[in-house]
PDB file of N, CA and C in Angstrom:
ATOM      1  N   MET A   1     119.299  75.526  84.968  1.00  0.00           N
ATOM      2  CA  MET A   1     118.715  76.271  86.070  1.00  0.00           C
ATOM      3  C   MET A   1     117.664  77.246  85.535  1.00  0.00           C
ATOM      4  N   ASP A   2     116.450  77.079  85.968  1.00  0.00           N
ATOM      5  CA  ASP A   2     115.360  77.959  85.534  1.00  0.00           C
ATOM      6  C   ASP A   2     115.448  79.298  86.249  1.00  0.00           C
ATOM      7  N   ARG A   3     115.258  80.348  85.501  1.00  0.00           N
ATOM      8  CA  ARG A   3     115.278  81.675  86.112  1.00  0.00           C
ATOM      9  C   ARG A   3     113.892  82.295  85.944  1.00  0.00           C
ATOM     10  N   VAL A   4     113.362  82.825  87.022  1.00  0.00           N
ATOM     11  CA  VAL A   4     112.044  83.444  86.971  1.00  0.00           C
ATOM     12  C   VAL A   4     112.174  84.804  86.303  1.00  0.00           C
ATOM     13  N   SER A   5     111.297  85.072  85.341  1.00  0.00           N
ATOM     14  CA  SER A   5     111.308  86.378  84.679  1.00  0.00           C
ATOM     15  C   SER A   5     110.788  87.438  85.633  1.00  0.00           C
ATOM     16  N   GLU A   6     111.381  88.611  85.543  1.00  0.00           N
ATOM     17  CA  GLU A   6     110.952  89.718  86.382  1.00  0.00           C
ATOM     18  C   GLU A   6     110.527  90.885  85.526  1.00  0.00           C
ATOM     19  N   MET A   7     109.779  91.769  86.148  1.00  0.00           N
ATOM     20  CA  MET A   7     109.359  93.011  85.507  1.00  0.00           C
ATOM     21  C   MET A   7     109.448  94.121  86.539  1.00  0.00           C
ATOM     22  N   GLN A   8     109.391  95.345  86.077  1.00  0.00           N
ATOM     23  CA  GLN A   8     109.431  96.508  86.963  1.00  0.00           C
ATOM     24  C   GLN A   8     108.030  97.098  87.070  1.00  0.00           C
ATOM     25  N   VAL A   9     107.624  97.387  88.296  1.00  0.00           N
ATOM     26  CA  VAL A   9     106.372  98.104  88.537  1.00  0.00           C
ATOM     27  C   VAL A   9     106.655  99.219  89.530  1.00  0.00           C
ATOM     28  N   GLU A  10     105.818 100.243  89.488  1.00  0.00           N
ATOM     29  CA  GLU A  10     105.938 101.322  90.459  1.00  0.00           C
ATOM     30  C   GLU A  10     104.934 101.052  91.578  1.00  0.00           C
ATOM     31  N   ILE A  11     105.368 101.272  92.797  1.00  0.00           N
ATOM     32  CA  ILE A  11     104.457 101.158  93.925  1.00  0.00           C
ATOM     33  C   ILE A  11     104.344 102.519  94.591  1.00  0.00           C
ATOM     34  N   ALA A  12     103.167 102.807  95.096  1.00  0.00           N
ATOM     35  CA  ALA A  12     102.918 104.040  95.846  1.00  0.00           C
ATOM     36  C   ALA A  12     102.172 103.631  97.104  1.00  0.00           C
ATOM     37  N   LEU A  13     102.789 103.887  98.246  1.00  0.00           N
ATOM     38  CA  LEU A  13     102.193 103.499  99.529  1.00  0.00           C
ATOM     39  C   LEU A  13     101.874 104.753 100.319  1.00  0.00           C
ATOM     40  N   TYR A  14     100.668 104.828 100.852  1.00  0.00           N
ATOM     41  CA  TYR A  14     100.214 106.045 101.513  1.00  0.00           C
ATOM     42  C   TYR A  14      99.998 105.856 103.011  1.00  0.00           C
ATOM     43  N   ALA A  15     100.054 106.977 103.721  1.00  0.00           N
ATOM     44  CA  ALA A  15      99.802 107.055 105.169  1.00  0.00           C
ATOM     45  C   ALA A  15     100.657 106.036 105.916  1.00  0.00           C
ATOM     46  N   THR A  16     100.048 105.229 106.763  1.00  0.00           N
ATOM     47  CA  THR A  16     100.805 104.316 107.621  1.00  0.00           C
ATOM     48  C   THR A  16     101.518 103.219 106.841  1.00  0.00           C
ATOM     49  N   LEU A  17     101.168 103.017 105.573  1.00  0.00           N
ATOM     50  CA  LEU A  17     101.825 101.978 104.777  1.00  0.00           C
ATOM     51  C   LEU A  17     103.183 102.414 104.244  1.00  0.00           C
ATOM     52  N   SER A  18     103.495 103.698 104.302  1.00  0.00           N
ATOM     53  CA  SER A  18     104.763 104.176 103.731  1.00  0.00           C
ATOM     54  C   SER A  18     105.986 103.542 104.394  1.00  0.00           C
ATOM     55  N   LYS A  19     105.823 103.019 105.613  1.00  0.00           N
ATOM     56  CA  LYS A  19     106.961 102.375 106.283  1.00  0.00           C
ATOM     57  C   LYS A  19     107.382 101.078 105.597  1.00  0.00           C
ATOM     58  N   TYR A  20     106.567 100.566 104.679  1.00  0.00           N
ATOM     59  CA  TYR A  20     106.901  99.342 103.957  1.00  0.00           C
ATOM     60  C   TYR A  20     107.617  99.602 102.638  1.00  0.00           C
ATOM     61  N   LEU A  21     107.874 100.878 102.329  1.00  0.00           N
ATOM     62  CA  LEU A  21     108.604 101.201 101.099  1.00  0.00           C
ATOM     63  C   LEU A  21     110.049 100.721 101.214  1.00  0.00           C
ATOM     64  N   PRO A  22     110.641 100.302 100.099  1.00  0.00           N
ATOM     65  CA  PRO A  22     112.041  99.875 100.141  1.00  0.00           C
ATOM     66  C   PRO A  22     112.968 101.079 100.296  1.00  0.00           C
ATOM     67  N   PRO A  23     114.205 100.849 100.724  1.00  0.00           N
ATOM     68  CA  PRO A  23     115.172 101.951 100.834  1.00  0.00           C
ATOM     69  C   PRO A  23     115.319 102.661  99.483  1.00  0.00           C
ATOM     70  N   GLY A  24     115.470 103.964  99.536  1.00  0.00           N
ATOM     71  CA  GLY A  24     115.645 104.750  98.319  1.00  0.00           C
ATOM     72  C   GLY A  24     114.346 105.269  97.726  1.00  0.00           C
ATOM     73  N   ALA A  25     113.218 104.935  98.332  1.00  0.00           N
ATOM     74  CA  ALA A  25     111.931 105.425  97.830  1.00  0.00           C
ATOM     75  C   ALA A  25     111.858 106.934  98.025  1.00  0.00           C
ATOM     76  N   GLU A  26     111.182 107.590  97.096  1.00  0.00           N
ATOM     77  CA  GLU A  26     111.019 109.042  97.184  1.00  0.00           C
ATOM     78  C   GLU A  26     109.549 109.404  97.045  1.00  0.00           C
ATOM     79  N   GLN A  27     109.103 110.307  97.889  1.00  0.00           N
ATOM     80  CA  GLN A  27     107.728 110.823  97.846  1.00  0.00           C
ATOM     81  C   GLN A  27     106.702 109.687  97.807  1.00  0.00           C
ATOM     82  N   ARG A  28     106.867 108.717  98.712  1.00  0.00           N
ATOM     83  CA  ARG A  28     105.944 107.590  98.871  1.00  0.00           C
ATOM     84  C   ARG A  28     105.893 106.659  97.671  1.00  0.00           C
ATOM     85  N   LYS A  29     106.894 106.724  96.774  1.00  0.00           N
ATOM     86  CA  LYS A  29     106.882 105.878  95.577  1.00  0.00           C
ATOM     87  C   LYS A  29     108.238 105.216  95.371  1.00  0.00           C
ATOM     88  N   ALA A  30     108.208 104.052  94.714  1.00  0.00           N
ATOM     89  CA  ALA A  30     109.429 103.342  94.369  1.00  0.00           C
ATOM     90  C   ALA A  30     109.147 102.437  93.174  1.00  0.00           C
ATOM     91  N   VAL A  31     110.190 102.133  92.416  1.00  0.00           N
ATOM     92  CA  VAL A  31     110.092 101.148  91.342  1.00  0.00           C
ATOM     93  C   VAL A  31     110.777  99.896  91.856  1.00  0.00           C
ATOM     94  N   ILE A  32     110.065  98.771  91.773  1.00  0.00           N
ATOM     95  CA  ILE A  32     110.615  97.518  92.279  1.00  0.00           C
ATOM     96  C   ILE A  32     110.524  96.434  91.207  1.00  0.00           C
ATOM     97  N   ALA A  33     111.346  95.408  91.358  1.00  0.00           N
ATOM     98  CA  ALA A  33     111.299  94.239  90.481  1.00  0.00           C
ATOM     99  C   ALA A  33     110.397  93.199  91.133  1.00  0.00           C
ATOM    100  N   VAL A  34     109.479  92.662  90.356  1.00  0.00           N
ATOM    101  CA  VAL A  34     108.570  91.613  90.830  1.00  0.00           C
ATOM    102  C   VAL A  34     108.519  90.511  89.774  1.00  0.00           C
ATOM    103  N   ARG A  35     107.988  89.371  90.166  1.00  0.00           N
ATOM    104  CA  ARG A  35     107.831  88.245  89.246  1.00  0.00           C
ATOM    105  C   ARG A  35     106.871  88.647  88.117  1.00  0.00           C
ATOM    106  N   ASP A  36     107.171  88.217  86.905  1.00  0.00           N
ATOM    107  CA  ASP A  36     106.252  88.457  85.785  1.00  0.00           C
ATOM    108  C   ASP A  36     104.855  87.993  86.157  1.00  0.00           C
ATOM    109  N   SER A  37     103.855  88.759  85.815  1.00  0.00           N
ATOM    110  CA  SER A  37     102.450  88.449  86.092  1.00  0.00           C
ATOM    111  C   SER A  37     102.135  88.343  87.576  1.00  0.00           C
ATOM    112  N   ALA A  38     102.875  89.061  88.404  1.00  0.00           N
ATOM    113  CA  ALA A  38     102.601  89.072  89.851  1.00  0.00           C
ATOM    114  C   ALA A  38     101.253  89.724  90.114  1.00  0.00           C
ATOM    115  N   THR A  39     100.585  89.246  91.149  1.00  0.00           N
ATOM    116  CA  THR A  39      99.321  89.855  91.559  1.00  0.00           C
ATOM    117  C   THR A  39      99.607  90.943  92.597  1.00  0.00           C
ATOM    118  N   ALA A  40      98.628  91.782  92.825  1.00  0.00           N
ATOM    119  CA  ALA A  40      98.760  92.816  93.857  1.00  0.00           C
ATOM    120  C   ALA A  40      99.057  92.165  95.209  1.00  0.00           C
ATOM    121  N   ARG A  41      98.407  91.042  95.504  1.00  0.00           N
ATOM    122  CA  ARG A  41      98.629  90.333  96.767  1.00  0.00           C
ATOM    123  C   ARG A  41     100.099  89.899  96.908  1.00  0.00           C
ATOM    124  N   GLU A  42     100.662  89.339  95.833  1.00  0.00           N
ATOM    125  CA  GLU A  42     102.057  88.889  95.868  1.00  0.00           C
ATOM    126  C   GLU A  42     103.014  90.058  96.110  1.00  0.00           C
ATOM    127  N   ILE A  43     102.704  91.192  95.519  1.00  0.00           N
ATOM    128  CA  ILE A  43     103.550  92.375  95.707  1.00  0.00           C
ATOM    129  C   ILE A  43     103.444  92.862  97.151  1.00  0.00           C
ATOM    130  N   MET A  44     102.239  92.858  97.709  1.00  0.00           N
ATOM    131  CA  MET A  44     102.085  93.267  99.104  1.00  0.00           C
ATOM    132  C   MET A  44     102.852  92.322 100.025  1.00  0.00           C
ATOM    133  N   LEU A  45     102.812  91.023  99.750  1.00  0.00           N
ATOM    134  CA  LEU A  45     103.582  90.062 100.549  1.00  0.00           C
ATOM    135  C   LEU A  45     105.075  90.325 100.420  1.00  0.00           C
ATOM    136  N   GLN A  46     105.526  90.603  99.192  1.00  0.00           N
ATOM    137  CA  GLN A  46     106.941  90.900  98.952  1.00  0.00           C
ATOM    138  C   GLN A  46     107.397  92.108  99.768  1.00  0.00           C
ATOM    139  N   LEU A  47     106.513  93.089  99.926  1.00  0.00           N
ATOM    140  CA  LEU A  47     106.841  94.305 100.670  1.00  0.00           C
ATOM    141  C   LEU A  47     106.667  94.138 102.180  1.00  0.00           C
ATOM    142  N   GLY A  48     106.025  93.034 102.593  1.00  0.00           N
ATOM    143  CA  GLY A  48     105.801  92.799 104.020  1.00  0.00           C
ATOM    144  C   GLY A  48     104.572  93.486 104.581  1.00  0.00           C
ATOM    145  N   ILE A  49     103.652  93.891 103.708  1.00  0.00           N
ATOM    146  CA  ILE A  49     102.428  94.563 104.155  1.00  0.00           C
ATOM    147  C   ILE A  49     101.478  93.512 104.736  1.00  0.00           C
ATOM    148  N   PRO A  50     101.001  93.705 105.963  1.00  0.00           N
ATOM    149  CA  PRO A  50     100.083  92.734 106.579  1.00  0.00           C
ATOM    150  C   PRO A  50      98.841  92.508 105.724  1.00  0.00           C
ATOM    151  N   GLN A  51      98.435  91.257 105.613  1.00  0.00           N
ATOM    152  CA  GLN A  51      97.302  90.893 104.760  1.00  0.00           C
ATOM    153  C   GLN A  51      95.951  91.007 105.469  1.00  0.00           C
ATOM    154  N   GLU A  52      95.968  91.171 106.792  1.00  0.00           N
ATOM    155  CA  GLU A  52      94.695  91.140 107.516  1.00  0.00           C
ATOM    156  C   GLU A  52      93.864  92.416 107.380  1.00  0.00           C
ATOM    157  N   TYR A  53      94.433  93.479 106.845  1.00  0.00           N
ATOM    158  CA  TYR A  53      93.678  94.724 106.699  1.00  0.00           C
ATOM    159  C   TYR A  53      93.109  94.838 105.292  1.00  0.00           C
ATOM    160  N   PRO A  54      91.899  95.371 105.169  1.00  0.00           N
ATOM    161  CA  PRO A  54      91.291  95.516 103.839  1.00  0.00           C
ATOM    162  C   PRO A  54      91.820  96.769 103.148  1.00  0.00           C
ATOM    163  N   ASN A  55      93.056  96.721 102.687  1.00  0.00           N
ATOM    164  CA  ASN A  55      93.663  97.877 102.026  1.00  0.00           C
ATOM    165  C   ASN A  55      92.901  98.221 100.752  1.00  0.00           C
ATOM    166  N   ILE A  56      92.973  99.481 100.373  1.00  0.00           N
ATOM    167  CA  ILE A  56      92.351  99.959  99.144  1.00  0.00           C
ATOM    168  C   ILE A  56      93.436  99.936  98.069  1.00  0.00           C
ATOM    169  N   LEU A  57      93.165  99.240  96.970  1.00  0.00           N
ATOM    170  CA  LEU A  57      94.154  99.061  95.911  1.00  0.00           C
ATOM    171  C   LEU A  57      93.704  99.737  94.626  1.00  0.00           C
ATOM    172  N   GLN A  58      94.684 100.339  93.935  1.00  0.00           N
ATOM    173  CA  GLN A  58      94.438 100.890  92.602  1.00  0.00           C
ATOM    174  C   GLN A  58      95.599 100.484  91.709  1.00  0.00           C
ATOM    175  N   VAL A  59      95.279 100.104  90.480  1.00  0.00           N
ATOM    176  CA  VAL A  59      96.298  99.849  89.475  1.00  0.00           C
ATOM    177  C   VAL A  59      96.069 100.858  88.364  1.00  0.00           C
ATOM    178  N   ASN A  60      97.062 101.676  88.127  1.00  0.00           N
ATOM    179  CA  ASN A  60      96.976 102.731  87.107  1.00  0.00           C
ATOM    180  C   ASN A  60      95.749 103.629  87.319  1.00  0.00           C
ATOM    181  N   GLY A  61      95.447 103.910  88.606  1.00  0.00           N
ATOM    182  CA  GLY A  61      94.369 104.831  88.938  1.00  0.00           C
ATOM    183  C   GLY A  61      92.980 104.220  88.953  1.00  0.00           C
ATOM    184  N   LYS A  62      92.877 102.913  88.699  1.00  0.00           N
ATOM    185  CA  LYS A  62      91.572 102.252  88.702  1.00  0.00           C
ATOM    186  C   LYS A  62      91.504 101.259  89.845  1.00  0.00           C
ATOM    187  N   GLN A  63      90.317 101.142  90.457  1.00  0.00           N
ATOM    188  CA  GLN A  63      90.147 100.233  91.580  1.00  0.00           C
ATOM    189  C   GLN A  63      90.558  98.824  91.181  1.00  0.00           C
ATOM    190  N   ALA A  64      91.252  98.154  92.114  1.00  0.00           N
ATOM    191  CA  ALA A  64      91.740  96.797  91.862  1.00  0.00           C
ATOM    192  C   ALA A  64      91.482  95.950  93.094  1.00  0.00           C
ATOM    193  N   ASN A  65      91.760  94.660  92.985  1.00  0.00           N
ATOM    194  CA  ASN A  65      91.644  93.775  94.137  1.00  0.00           C
ATOM    195  C   ASN A  65      92.947  92.991  94.275  1.00  0.00           C
ATOM    196  N   PRO A  66      93.134  92.262  95.362  1.00  0.00           N
ATOM    197  CA  PRO A  66      94.406  91.568  95.581  1.00  0.00           C
ATOM    198  C   PRO A  66      94.780  90.573  94.486  1.00  0.00           C
ATOM    199  N   ASP A  67      93.793  90.074  93.728  1.00  0.00           N
ATOM    200  CA  ASP A  67      94.086  89.101  92.676  1.00  0.00           C
ATOM    201  C   ASP A  67      94.354  89.739  91.318  1.00  0.00           C
ATOM    202  N   THR A  68      94.345  91.067  91.248  1.00  0.00           N
ATOM    203  CA  THR A  68      94.634  91.762  89.999  1.00  0.00           C
ATOM    204  C   THR A  68      96.077  91.473  89.579  1.00  0.00           C
ATOM    205  N   VAL A  69      96.254  91.057  88.326  1.00  0.00           N
ATOM    206  CA  VAL A  69      97.583  90.770  87.777  1.00  0.00           C
ATOM    207  C   VAL A  69      98.142  92.061  87.186  1.00  0.00           C
ATOM    208  N   LEU A  70      99.391  92.366  87.549  1.00  0.00           N
ATOM    209  CA  LEU A  70     100.030  93.574  87.034  1.00  0.00           C
ATOM    210  C   LEU A  70     100.904  93.251  85.828  1.00  0.00           C
ATOM    211  N   LYS A  71     101.108  94.273  84.994  1.00  0.00           N
ATOM    212  CA  LYS A  71     101.978  94.169  83.833  1.00  0.00           C
ATOM    213  C   LYS A  71     103.162  95.117  84.033  1.00  0.00           C
ATOM    214  N   ALA A  72     104.218  94.886  83.295  1.00  0.00           N
ATOM    215  CA  ALA A  72     105.400  95.739  83.383  1.00  0.00           C
ATOM    216  C   ALA A  72     104.996  97.193  83.189  1.00  0.00           C
ATOM    217  N   GLY A  73     105.504  98.062  84.056  1.00  0.00           N
ATOM    218  CA  GLY A  73     105.235  99.489  83.949  1.00  0.00           C
ATOM    219  C   GLY A  73     103.983  99.953  84.670  1.00  0.00           C
ATOM    220  N   ASP A  74     103.179  99.023  85.184  1.00  0.00           N
ATOM    221  CA  ASP A  74     101.978  99.418  85.924  1.00  0.00           C
ATOM    222  C   ASP A  74     102.352 100.115  87.228  1.00  0.00           C
ATOM    223  N   THR A  75     101.413 100.887  87.752  1.00  0.00           N
ATOM    224  CA  THR A  75     101.565 101.522  89.056  1.00  0.00           C
ATOM    225  C   THR A  75     100.530 100.948  90.005  1.00  0.00           C
ATOM    226  N   LEU A  76     101.000 100.393  91.123  1.00  0.00           N
ATOM    227  CA  LEU A  76     100.130  99.861  92.162  1.00  0.00           C
ATOM    228  C   LEU A  76     100.146 100.843  93.323  1.00  0.00           C
ATOM    229  N   ALA A  77      98.988 101.434  93.615  1.00  0.00           N
ATOM    230  CA  ALA A  77      98.844 102.341  94.756  1.00  0.00           C
ATOM    231  C   ALA A  77      98.063 101.609  95.841  1.00  0.00           C
ATOM    232  N   ILE A  78      98.584 101.685  97.070  1.00  0.00           N
ATOM    233  CA  ILE A  78      97.943 101.001  98.186  1.00  0.00           C
ATOM    234  C   ILE A  78      97.671 102.006  99.296  1.00  0.00           C
ATOM    235  N   PHE A  79      96.428 102.061  99.718  1.00  0.00           N
ATOM    236  CA  PHE A  79      95.993 102.958 100.781  1.00  0.00           C
ATOM    237  C   PHE A  79      95.556 102.107 101.973  1.00  0.00           C
ATOM    238  N   PRO A  80      95.833 102.554 103.194  1.00  0.00           N
ATOM    239  CA  PRO A  80      95.366 101.791 104.366  1.00  0.00           C
ATOM    240  C   PRO A  80      93.863 101.907 104.508  1.00  0.00           C
ATOM    241  N   PRO A  81      93.272 101.048 105.353  1.00  0.00           N
ATOM    242  CA  PRO A  81      91.821 101.154 105.567  1.00  0.00           C
ATOM    243  C   PRO A  81      91.466 102.538 106.086  1.00  0.00           C
ATOM    244  N   LEU A  82      90.301 102.991 105.724  1.00  0.00           N
ATOM    245  CA  LEU A  82      89.838 104.290 106.204  1.00  0.00           C
ATOM    246  C   LEU A  82      89.521 104.191 107.696  1.00  0.00           C
ATOM    247  N   ALA A  83      89.676 105.289 108.385  1.00  0.00           N
ATOM    248  CA  ALA A  83      89.378 105.313 109.827  1.00  0.00           C
ATOM    249  C   ALA A  83      87.873 105.141 110.034  1.00  0.00           C
ATOM    250  N   GLY A  84      87.530 104.700 111.204  1.00  0.00           N
ATOM    251  CA  GLY A  84      86.119 104.538 111.507  1.00  0.00           C
ATOM    252  C   GLY A  84      85.727 103.077 111.442  1.00  0.00           C
ATOM    253  N   GLY A  85      84.457 102.821 111.379  1.00  0.00           N
ATOM    254  CA  GLY A  85      84.006 101.436 111.274  1.00  0.00           C
ATOM    255  C   GLY A  85      83.277 100.982 112.511  1.00  0.00           C
ATOM    256  N   ARG A  86      83.750  99.877 113.088  1.00  0.00           N
ATOM    257  CA  ARG A  86      83.067  99.256 114.231  1.00  0.00           C
ATOM    258  C   ARG A  86      82.927 100.172 115.422  1.00  0.00           C
ATOM    259  N   ARG A  87      81.873  99.937 116.185  1.00  0.00           N
ATOM    260  CA  ARG A  87      81.661 100.676 117.418  1.00  0.00           C
ATOM    261  C   ARG A  87      81.641  99.724 118.557  1.00  0.00           C
TER     262      ARG A  87
END
């Protein structure tokens, strides 16, 4: 039986996204187990964050995109879209 390797990453969800944090999260942050070499997109899917919004992503404080691959111990911060836009 093959077992998928996992790693731990920290997630930080801000504003309206904080409702997607797992139980036990503190101050908008949590450490979760994800598949080794998971992308930001895969982590957002795991958390149930809707994919249709252009969320702002940072990995370890640097701008990232949904295809960014995370490593063990990385911090993924996700911000909702900024207000404003279409008229």
